[in-house]
Amino acid sequence: MRLPAEYLRLDLRAHELLHDVPLYDVSVVDLPGGGVGRSVADIRALDSAAAPSRLANAIYGLRHLLGRTFGWDLAQMRPEDSLLSRLSERDRRDSEITPGTPVGSFLLLYQFPGEALSETRNATVHGFVCTALARTASGYRLYWGVYVIPVSWLTRPYLLAIEPFRRILYPAMLRRIRRAWLAAYGATT
């Protein structure tokens, strides 16, 4: 786990919503420059416009193949399993994207200018990803917090099995975002 104490000190709505959910990992990348007013929406736009990572595509492809083979992803998340019900009216009103919007295999719980929270559930995990963007003296710092609720006996072996892939995938994803950031914003402040 990288920089968990720093991440936990951030003023994030996710800390309140996920107060009873174990923080599994935190990854961080510094994004120089960018100018004033950058947001998570900018990060999402850069990420969706950047050239796909062959490494990430291969790892995700393997995961989806295994998910189909073993039936891990067959069940859809039931509304009573989602943490959407924990959102306040203010969360729902302030979210830049409608809470519960599907984004790939995740549901977006909310997206605020400095923070977004997504959720997924399958036979292996009930997982959450918090993307947070904080201003620094030289630009911004992007945090990627991963939370996991065990859902079955598969959770622990699954997490152990994906550990080596996760150590490759998360840094590759953050490097890709950093490259897109530098191409879009350079290192200007």
Foldseek 3Di string as FASTA:
>chain_A
DPPPVVVQPDPDPCCVLCVPFDWDDKDKDDAFAPDPQAFVVNLVVLLVPFDDDPLLVVVVVVVVVVCVVVVFAVDADDPVNDSLVVDDPCQQVQFPDHFQPDDPQWTWRGGHRFKTKIWHGTNAWTKMWIWGWAADPGGIMIMIIMTTDGDDPNHVVVCVVCVVVCVVNPVVSVVSSSVSSCVVGNNHD
